[in-house]
């Protein structure tokens, strides 16, 4: 990622405001996460079916087949640069 265009406040934030950065990270990590009621695999299957032409790829990653993680790659151009863009 080319960071040369970022404002000084953005590039310096992680170095000047570490306490706030740690507090934000601690809050995020400290959140209790629970699986919603029902079968997560049903939700994933519905999302897969509904993704249709919006996605260029659909994938699953699961340690427990009843609780898969779903990855969808949307069709179109990304603002991110990848090694393929170089």
PDB file of N, CA and C in Angstrom:
ATOM      1  N   UNK A   1       0.847  -1.180   0.000  1.00  0.00           N
ATOM      2  CA  UNK A   1       0.000   0.000   0.000  1.00  0.00           C
ATOM      3  C   UNK A   1       0.883   1.231   0.000  1.00  0.00           C
ATOM      4  N   UNK A   2       0.607   2.146  -0.898  1.00  0.00           N
ATOM      5  CA  UNK A   2       1.358   3.389  -0.985  1.00  0.00           C
ATOM      6  C   UNK A   2       0.801   4.357   0.053  1.00  0.00           C
ATOM      7  N   UNK A   3       1.613   4.701   1.039  1.00  0.00           N
ATOM      8  CA  UNK A   3       1.152   5.594   2.107  1.00  0.00           C
ATOM      9  C   UNK A   3       1.688   7.011   1.953  1.00  0.00           C
ATOM     10  N   UNK A   4       2.332   7.308   0.835  1.00  0.00           N
ATOM     11  CA  UNK A   4       2.937   8.627   0.659  1.00  0.00           C
ATOM     12  C   UNK A   4       1.900   9.749   0.587  1.00  0.00           C
ATOM     13  N   UNK A   5       0.660   9.450   0.238  1.00  0.00           N
ATOM     14  CA  UNK A   5      -0.383  10.479   0.113  1.00  0.00           C
ATOM     15  C   UNK A   5      -1.162  10.721   1.404  1.00  0.00           C
ATOM     16  N   UNK A   6      -0.898   9.941   2.431  1.00  0.00           N
ATOM     17  CA  UNK A   6      -1.670  10.063   3.667  1.00  0.00           C
ATOM     18  C   UNK A   6      -1.280  11.318   4.439  1.00  0.00           C
ATOM     19  N   UNK A   7      -2.250  11.955   5.102  1.00  0.00           N
ATOM     20  CA  UNK A   7      -1.947  13.121   5.926  1.00  0.00           C
ATOM     21  C   UNK A   7      -1.003  12.746   7.070  1.00  0.00           C
ATOM     22  N   UNK A   8      -0.213  13.695   7.501  1.00  0.00           N
ATOM     23  CA  UNK A   8       0.757  13.470   8.575  1.00  0.00           C
ATOM     24  C   UNK A   8       0.087  12.912   9.828  1.00  0.00           C
ATOM     25  N   UNK A   9      -1.084  13.433  10.173  1.00  0.00           N
ATOM     26  CA  UNK A   9      -1.787  12.958  11.377  1.00  0.00           C
ATOM     27  C   UNK A   9      -2.082  11.469  11.295  1.00  0.00           C
ATOM     28  N   UNK A  10      -2.371  10.970  10.103  1.00  0.00           N
ATOM     29  CA  UNK A  10      -2.676   9.547   9.931  1.00  0.00           C
ATOM     30  C   UNK A  10      -1.410   8.711  10.044  1.00  0.00           C
ATOM     31  N   UNK A  11      -0.333   9.139   9.412  1.00  0.00           N
ATOM     32  CA  UNK A  11       0.904   8.351   9.447  1.00  0.00           C
ATOM     33  C   UNK A  11       1.567   8.379  10.815  1.00  0.00           C
ATOM     34  N   UNK A  12       1.366   9.460  11.575  1.00  0.00           N
ATOM     35  CA  UNK A  12       2.002   9.568  12.889  1.00  0.00           C
ATOM     36  C   UNK A  12       1.153   8.990  14.017  1.00  0.00           C
ATOM     37  N   UNK A  13      -0.145   8.780  13.785  1.00  0.00           N
ATOM     38  CA  UNK A  13      -1.053   8.335  14.841  1.00  0.00           C
ATOM     39  C   UNK A  13      -0.549   7.122  15.613  1.00  0.00           C
ATOM     40  N   UNK A  14      -0.127   6.028  14.931  1.00  0.00           N
ATOM     41  CA  UNK A  14       0.305   4.856  15.706  1.00  0.00           C
ATOM     42  C   UNK A  14       1.509   5.130  16.600  1.00  0.00           C
ATOM     43  N   UNK A  15       2.275   6.162  16.279  1.00  0.00           N
ATOM     44  CA  UNK A  15       3.478   6.448  17.058  1.00  0.00           C
ATOM     45  C   UNK A  15       3.226   7.478  18.147  1.00  0.00           C
ATOM     46  N   UNK A  16       2.304   8.411  17.912  1.00  0.00           N
ATOM     47  CA  UNK A  16       2.068   9.475  18.887  1.00  0.00           C
ATOM     48  C   UNK A  16       0.937   9.162  19.858  1.00  0.00           C
ATOM     49  N   UNK A  17       0.009   8.316  19.463  1.00  0.00           N
ATOM     50  CA  UNK A  17      -1.165   8.038  20.289  1.00  0.00           C
ATOM     51  C   UNK A  17      -1.290   6.554  20.620  1.00  0.00           C
ATOM     52  N   UNK A  18      -0.214   5.939  21.052  1.00  0.00           N
ATOM     53  CA  UNK A  18      -0.238   4.500  21.327  1.00  0.00           C
ATOM     54  C   UNK A  18      -1.261   4.121  22.395  1.00  0.00           C
ATOM     55  N   UNK A  19      -1.409   4.944  23.414  1.00  0.00           N
ATOM     56  CA  UNK A  19      -2.354   4.610  24.485  1.00  0.00           C
ATOM     57  C   UNK A  19      -3.762   4.436  23.909  1.00  0.00           C
ATOM     58  N   UNK A  20      -4.194   5.380  23.078  1.00  0.00           N
ATOM     59  CA  UNK A  20      -5.528   5.293  22.476  1.00  0.00           C
ATOM     60  C   UNK A  20      -5.622   4.070  21.564  1.00  0.00           C
ATOM     61  N   UNK A  21      -4.558   3.801  20.812  1.00  0.00           N
ATOM     62  CA  UNK A  21      -4.540   2.642  19.923  1.00  0.00           C
ATOM     63  C   UNK A  21      -4.679   1.347  20.725  1.00  0.00           C
ATOM     64  N   UNK A  22      -3.946   1.244  21.837  1.00  0.00           N
ATOM     65  CA  UNK A  22      -4.041   0.052  22.690  1.00  0.00           C
ATOM     66  C   UNK A  22      -5.434  -0.078  23.311  1.00  0.00           C
ATOM     67  N   UNK A  23      -6.019   1.038  23.717  1.00  0.00           N
ATOM     68  CA  UNK A  23      -7.360   0.994  24.306  1.00  0.00           C
ATOM     69  C   UNK A  23      -8.395   0.504  23.288  1.00  0.00           C
ATOM     70  N   UNK A  24      -8.259   0.964  22.036  1.00  0.00           N
ATOM     71  CA  UNK A  24      -9.177   0.517  20.983  1.00  0.00           C
ATOM     72  C   UNK A  24      -9.010  -0.981  20.755  1.00  0.00           C
ATOM     73  N   UNK A  25      -7.758  -1.433  20.628  1.00  0.00           N
ATOM     74  CA  UNK A  25      -7.492  -2.861  20.407  1.00  0.00           C
ATOM     75  C   UNK A  25      -8.000  -3.698  21.577  1.00  0.00           C
ATOM     76  N   UNK A  26      -7.781  -3.215  22.795  1.00  0.00           N
ATOM     77  CA  UNK A  26      -8.232  -3.942  23.984  1.00  0.00           C
ATOM     78  C   UNK A  26      -9.757  -4.060  24.005  1.00  0.00           C
ATOM     79  N   UNK A  27     -10.440  -3.003  23.601  1.00  0.00           N
ATOM     80  CA  UNK A  27     -11.902  -3.026  23.544  1.00  0.00           C
ATOM     81  C   UNK A  27     -12.386  -4.046  22.527  1.00  0.00           C
ATOM     82  N   UNK A  28     -11.760  -4.046  21.347  1.00  0.00           N
ATOM     83  CA  UNK A  28     -12.169  -4.981  20.293  1.00  0.00           C
ATOM     84  C   UNK A  28     -11.919  -6.420  20.729  1.00  0.00           C
ATOM     85  N   UNK A  29     -10.735  -6.698  21.236  1.00  0.00           N
ATOM     86  CA  UNK A  29     -10.377  -8.057  21.642  1.00  0.00           C
ATOM     87  C   UNK A  29     -11.187  -8.499  22.853  1.00  0.00           C
ATOM     88  N   UNK A  30     -11.557  -7.560  23.700  1.00  0.00           N
ATOM     89  CA  UNK A  30     -12.281  -7.888  24.922  1.00  0.00           C
ATOM     90  C   UNK A  30     -13.763  -8.151  24.732  1.00  0.00           C
ATOM     91  N   UNK A  31     -14.277  -7.881  23.538  1.00  0.00           N
ATOM     92  CA  UNK A  31     -15.701  -8.135  23.295  1.00  0.00           C
ATOM     93  C   UNK A  31     -15.997  -9.615  23.340  1.00  0.00           C
ATOM     94  N   UNK A  32     -17.061  -9.956  24.050  1.00  0.00           N
ATOM     95  CA  UNK A  32     -17.483 -11.350  24.095  1.00  0.00           C
ATOM     96  C   UNK A  32     -18.264 -11.650  22.824  1.00  0.00           C
ATOM     97  N   UNK A  33     -17.856 -12.673  22.148  1.00  0.00           N
ATOM     98  CA  UNK A  33     -18.493 -13.030  20.885  1.00  0.00           C
ATOM     99  C   UNK A  33     -19.208 -14.356  21.062  1.00  0.00           C
ATOM    100  N   UNK A  34     -20.448 -14.401  20.604  1.00  0.00           N
ATOM    101  CA  UNK A  34     -21.225 -15.624  20.680  1.00  0.00           C
ATOM    102  C   UNK A  34     -21.828 -15.915  19.317  1.00  0.00           C
ATOM    103  N   UNK A  35     -21.994 -17.170  19.041  1.00  0.00           N
ATOM    104  CA  UNK A  35     -22.658 -17.578  17.818  1.00  0.00           C
ATOM    105  C   UNK A  35     -24.142 -17.266  17.963  1.00  0.00           C
ATOM    106  N   UNK A  36     -24.752 -16.672  16.933  1.00  0.00           N
ATOM    107  CA  UNK A  36     -26.182 -16.384  17.026  1.00  0.00           C
ATOM    108  C   UNK A  36     -26.997 -17.668  17.113  1.00  0.00           C
ATOM    109  N   UNK A  37     -28.242 -17.565  17.557  1.00  0.00           N
ATOM    110  CA  UNK A  37     -29.080 -18.762  17.641  1.00  0.00           C
ATOM    111  C   UNK A  37     -29.303 -19.375  16.259  1.00  0.00           C
ATOM    112  N   UNK A  38     -29.583 -20.649  16.244  1.00  0.00           N
ATOM    113  CA  UNK A  38     -29.801 -21.341  14.976  1.00  0.00           C
ATOM    114  C   UNK A  38     -28.536 -22.041  14.517  1.00  0.00           C
ATOM    115  N   UNK A  39     -28.564 -22.492  13.295  1.00  0.00           N
ATOM    116  CA  UNK A  39     -27.407 -23.187  12.725  1.00  0.00           C
ATOM    117  C   UNK A  39     -26.657 -22.219  11.819  1.00  0.00           C
ATOM    118  N   UNK A  40     -25.430 -21.818  12.168  1.00  0.00           N
ATOM    119  CA  UNK A  40     -24.661 -20.897  11.333  1.00  0.00           C
ATOM    120  C   UNK A  40     -24.504 -21.378   9.889  1.00  0.00           C
ATOM    121  N   UNK A  41     -24.425 -22.696   9.697  1.00  0.00           N
ATOM    122  CA  UNK A  41     -24.257 -23.222   8.346  1.00  0.00           C
ATOM    123  C   UNK A  41     -25.465 -22.873   7.474  1.00  0.00           C
ATOM    124  N   UNK A  42     -26.655 -22.790   8.053  1.00  0.00           N
ATOM    125  CA  UNK A  42     -27.845 -22.395   7.289  1.00  0.00           C
ATOM    126  C   UNK A  42     -27.714 -20.956   6.787  1.00  0.00           C
ATOM    127  N   UNK A  43     -27.218 -20.085   7.650  1.00  0.00           N
ATOM    128  CA  UNK A  43     -27.020 -18.687   7.272  1.00  0.00           C
ATOM    129  C   UNK A  43     -25.996 -18.574   6.155  1.00  0.00           C
ATOM    130  N   UNK A  44     -24.900 -19.316   6.277  1.00  0.00           N
ATOM    131  CA  UNK A  44     -23.856 -19.302   5.251  1.00  0.00           C
ATOM    132  C   UNK A  44     -24.415 -19.786   3.916  1.00  0.00           C
ATOM    133  N   UNK A  45     -25.195 -20.842   3.943  1.00  0.00           N
ATOM    134  CA  UNK A  45     -25.784 -21.368   2.703  1.00  0.00           C
ATOM    135  C   UNK A  45     -26.716 -20.349   2.055  1.00  0.00           C
ATOM    136  N   UNK A  46     -27.487 -19.628   2.862  1.00  0.00           N
ATOM    137  CA  UNK A  46     -28.388 -18.604   2.315  1.00  0.00           C
ATOM    138  C   UNK A  46     -27.599 -17.455   1.712  1.00  0.00           C
ATOM    139  N   UNK A  47     -26.515 -17.049   2.379  1.00  0.00           N
ATOM    140  CA  UNK A  47     -25.679 -15.971   1.839  1.00  0.00           C
ATOM    141  C   UNK A  47     -25.008 -16.390   0.536  1.00  0.00           C
ATOM    142  N   UNK A  48     -24.532 -17.631   0.487  1.00  0.00           N
ATOM    143  CA  UNK A  48     -23.933 -18.144  -0.750  1.00  0.00           C
ATOM    144  C   UNK A  48     -24.937 -18.096  -1.895  1.00  0.00           C
ATOM    145  N   UNK A  49     -26.149 -18.559  -1.634  1.00  0.00           N
ATOM    146  CA  UNK A  49     -27.187 -18.599  -2.668  1.00  0.00           C
ATOM    147  C   UNK A  49     -27.583 -17.192  -3.116  1.00  0.00           C
ATOM    148  N   UNK A  50     -27.584 -16.242  -2.189  1.00  0.00           N
ATOM    149  CA  UNK A  50     -28.004 -14.880  -2.502  1.00  0.00           C
ATOM    150  C   UNK A  50     -26.906 -14.043  -3.149  1.00  0.00           C
ATOM    151  N   UNK A  51     -25.659 -14.492  -3.074  1.00  0.00           N
ATOM    152  CA  UNK A  51     -24.550 -13.672  -3.572  1.00  0.00           C
ATOM    153  C   UNK A  51     -24.580 -13.514  -5.088  1.00  0.00           C
ATOM    154  N   UNK A  52     -25.077 -14.513  -5.793  1.00  0.00           N
ATOM    155  CA  UNK A  52     -25.292 -14.447  -7.236  1.00  0.00           C
ATOM    156  C   UNK A  52     -24.180 -13.806  -8.035  1.00  0.00           C
ATOM    157  N   UNK A  53     -24.569 -12.874  -8.913  1.00  0.00           N
ATOM    158  CA  UNK A  53     -23.629 -12.244  -9.832  1.00  0.00           C
ATOM    159  C   UNK A  53     -22.774 -11.169  -9.173  1.00  0.00           C
ATOM    160  N   UNK A  54     -23.050 -10.837  -7.924  1.00  0.00           N
ATOM    161  CA  UNK A  54     -22.264  -9.811  -7.244  1.00  0.00           C
ATOM    162  C   UNK A  54     -20.857 -10.277  -6.912  1.00  0.00           C
ATOM    163  N   UNK A  55     -20.659 -11.576  -6.833  1.00  0.00           N
ATOM    164  CA  UNK A  55     -19.371 -12.098  -6.393  1.00  0.00           C
ATOM    165  C   UNK A  55     -18.614 -12.769  -7.526  1.00  0.00           C
ATOM    166  N   UNK A  56     -17.276 -12.659  -7.438  1.00  0.00           N
ATOM    167  CA  UNK A  56     -16.441 -13.367  -8.404  1.00  0.00           C
ATOM    168  C   UNK A  56     -15.937 -14.674  -7.810  1.00  0.00           C
ATOM    169  N   UNK A  57     -15.971 -14.784  -6.475  1.00  0.00           N
ATOM    170  CA  UNK A  57     -15.614 -16.058  -5.849  1.00  0.00           C
ATOM    171  C   UNK A  57     -16.270 -16.177  -4.480  1.00  0.00           C
ATOM    172  N   UNK A  58     -16.562 -17.403  -4.121  1.00  0.00           N
ATOM    173  CA  UNK A  58     -17.174 -17.721  -2.835  1.00  0.00           C
ATOM    174  C   UNK A  58     -16.368 -18.852  -2.230  1.00  0.00           C
ATOM    175  N   UNK A  59     -16.047 -18.731  -0.952  1.00  0.00           N
ATOM    176  CA  UNK A  59     -15.287 -19.797  -0.306  1.00  0.00           C
ATOM    177  C   UNK A  59     -15.724 -20.001   1.127  1.00  0.00           C
ATOM    178  N   UNK A  60     -15.361 -21.148   1.636  1.00  0.00           N
ATOM    179  CA  UNK A  60     -15.638 -21.484   3.038  1.00  0.00           C
ATOM    180  C   UNK A  60     -14.352 -21.965   3.689  1.00  0.00           C
ATOM    181  N   UNK A  61     -14.239 -21.634   4.957  1.00  0.00           N
ATOM    182  CA  UNK A  61     -13.139 -22.138   5.769  1.00  0.00           C
ATOM    183  C   UNK A  61     -13.784 -22.579   7.073  1.00  0.00           C
ATOM    184  N   UNK A  62     -13.581 -23.845   7.438  1.00  0.00           N
ATOM    185  CA  UNK A  62     -14.273 -24.322   8.631  1.00  0.00           C
ATOM    186  C   UNK A  62     -13.496 -25.407   9.354  1.00  0.00           C
ATOM    187  N   UNK A  63     -13.320 -25.215  10.642  1.00  0.00           N
ATOM    188  CA  UNK A  63     -12.808 -26.274  11.502  1.00  0.00           C
ATOM    189  C   UNK A  63     -13.981 -27.179  11.848  1.00  0.00           C
ATOM    190  N   UNK A  64     -15.111 -26.543  12.144  1.00  0.00           N
ATOM    191  CA  UNK A  64     -16.358 -27.255  12.425  1.00  0.00           C
ATOM    192  C   UNK A  64     -17.306 -26.990  11.253  1.00  0.00           C
ATOM    193  N   UNK A  65     -17.672 -28.010  10.476  1.00  0.00           N
ATOM    194  CA  UNK A  65     -18.538 -27.806   9.316  1.00  0.00           C
ATOM    195  C   UNK A  65     -19.880 -27.139   9.637  1.00  0.00           C
ATOM    196  N   UNK A  66     -20.311 -27.203  10.887  1.00  0.00           N
ATOM    197  CA  UNK A  66     -21.564 -26.560  11.286  1.00  0.00           C
ATOM    198  C   UNK A  66     -21.387 -25.062  11.542  1.00  0.00           C
ATOM    199  N   UNK A  67     -20.120 -24.595  11.610  1.00  0.00           N
ATOM    200  CA  UNK A  67     -19.847 -23.181  11.888  1.00  0.00           C
ATOM    201  C   UNK A  67     -18.799 -22.641  10.913  1.00  0.00           C
ATOM    202  N   UNK A  68     -19.095 -22.660   9.619  1.00  0.00           N
ATOM    203  CA  UNK A  68     -18.099 -22.215   8.645  1.00  0.00           C
ATOM    204  C   UNK A  68     -17.976 -20.692   8.592  1.00  0.00           C
ATOM    205  N   UNK A  69     -16.802 -20.246   8.178  1.00  0.00           N
ATOM    206  CA  UNK A  69     -16.590 -18.840   7.861  1.00  0.00           C
ATOM    207  C   UNK A  69     -16.771 -18.709   6.359  1.00  0.00           C
ATOM    208  N   UNK A  70     -17.416 -17.657   5.931  1.00  0.00           N
ATOM    209  CA  UNK A  70     -17.706 -17.445   4.520  1.00  0.00           C
ATOM    210  C   UNK A  70     -16.864 -16.293   4.001  1.00  0.00           C
ATOM    211  N   UNK A  71     -16.250 -16.479   2.847  1.00  0.00           N
ATOM    212  CA  UNK A  71     -15.532 -15.387   2.196  1.00  0.00           C
ATOM    213  C   UNK A  71     -16.163 -15.150   0.833  1.00  0.00           C
ATOM    214  N   UNK A  72     -16.477 -13.901   0.564  1.00  0.00           N
ATOM    215  CA  UNK A  72     -17.037 -13.504  -0.719  1.00  0.00           C
ATOM    216  C   UNK A  72     -16.122 -12.447  -1.315  1.00  0.00           C
ATOM    217  N   UNK A  73     -15.751 -12.620  -2.563  1.00  0.00           N
ATOM    218  CA  UNK A  73     -14.987 -11.602  -3.268  1.00  0.00           C
ATOM    219  C   UNK A  73     -15.937 -10.942  -4.247  1.00  0.00           C
ATOM    220  N   UNK A  74     -16.129  -9.640  -4.067  1.00  0.00           N
ATOM    221  CA  UNK A  74     -17.055  -8.924  -4.927  1.00  0.00           C
ATOM    222  C   UNK A  74     -16.428  -8.653  -6.284  1.00  0.00           C
ATOM    223  N   UNK A  75     -17.241  -8.714  -7.315  1.00  0.00           N
ATOM    224  CA  UNK A  75     -16.776  -8.406  -8.659  1.00  0.00           C
ATOM    225  C   UNK A  75     -16.488  -6.912  -8.753  1.00  0.00           C
ATOM    226  N   UNK A  76     -15.565  -6.560  -9.616  1.00  0.00           N
ATOM    227  CA  UNK A  76     -15.238  -5.152  -9.809  1.00  0.00           C
ATOM    228  C   UNK A  76     -13.794  -4.874  -9.480  1.00  0.00           C
ATOM    229  N   UNK A  77     -13.458  -3.613  -9.495  1.00  0.00           N
ATOM    230  CA  UNK A  77     -12.076  -3.195  -9.284  1.00  0.00           C
ATOM    231  C   UNK A  77     -11.854  -2.817  -7.829  1.00  0.00           C
ATOM    232  N   UNK A  78     -10.729  -3.228  -7.297  1.00  0.00           N
ATOM    233  CA  UNK A  78     -10.389  -2.950  -5.906  1.00  0.00           C
ATOM    234  C   UNK A  78      -9.560  -1.683  -5.808  1.00  0.00           C
ATOM    235  N   UNK A  79      -9.677  -0.992  -4.679  1.00  0.00           N
ATOM    236  CA  UNK A  79      -8.810   0.149  -4.424  1.00  0.00           C
ATOM    237  C   UNK A  79      -7.466  -0.313  -3.893  1.00  0.00           C
ATOM    238  N   UNK A  80      -7.387  -1.561  -3.468  1.00  0.00           N
ATOM    239  CA  UNK A  80      -6.141  -2.118  -2.939  1.00  0.00           C
ATOM    240  C   UNK A  80      -5.243  -2.570  -4.071  1.00  0.00           C
ATOM    241  N   UNK A  81      -3.953  -2.421  -3.877  1.00  0.00           N
ATOM    242  CA  UNK A  81      -2.991  -2.932  -4.850  1.00  0.00           C
ATOM    243  C   UNK A  81      -2.549  -4.308  -4.399  1.00  0.00           C
ATOM    244  N   UNK A  82      -2.431  -5.198  -5.339  1.00  0.00           N
ATOM    245  CA  UNK A  82      -1.947  -6.537  -5.041  1.00  0.00           C
ATOM    246  C   UNK A  82      -0.689  -6.775  -5.846  1.00  0.00           C
ATOM    247  N   UNK A  83      -0.035  -7.888  -5.608  1.00  0.00           N
ATOM    248  CA  UNK A  83       1.177  -8.204  -6.363  1.00  0.00           C
ATOM    249  C   UNK A  83       0.869  -8.342  -7.847  1.00  0.00           C
ATOM    250  N   UNK A  84      -0.372  -8.681  -8.181  1.00  0.00           N
ATOM    251  CA  UNK A  84      -0.756  -8.806  -9.589  1.00  0.00           C
ATOM    252  C   UNK A  84      -0.833  -7.441 -10.271  1.00  0.00           C
ATOM    253  N   UNK A  85      -1.005  -6.363  -9.485  1.00  0.00           N
ATOM    254  CA  UNK A  85      -1.101  -5.021 -10.052  1.00  0.00           C
ATOM    255  C   UNK A  85       0.257  -4.418 -10.373  1.00  0.00           C
ATOM    256  N   UNK A  86       1.305  -4.991  -9.823  1.00  0.00           N
ATOM    257  CA  UNK A  86       2.644  -4.410  -9.972  1.00  0.00           C
ATOM    258  C   UNK A  86       3.225  -4.737 -11.319  1.00  0.00           C
TER     259      UNK A  86
END
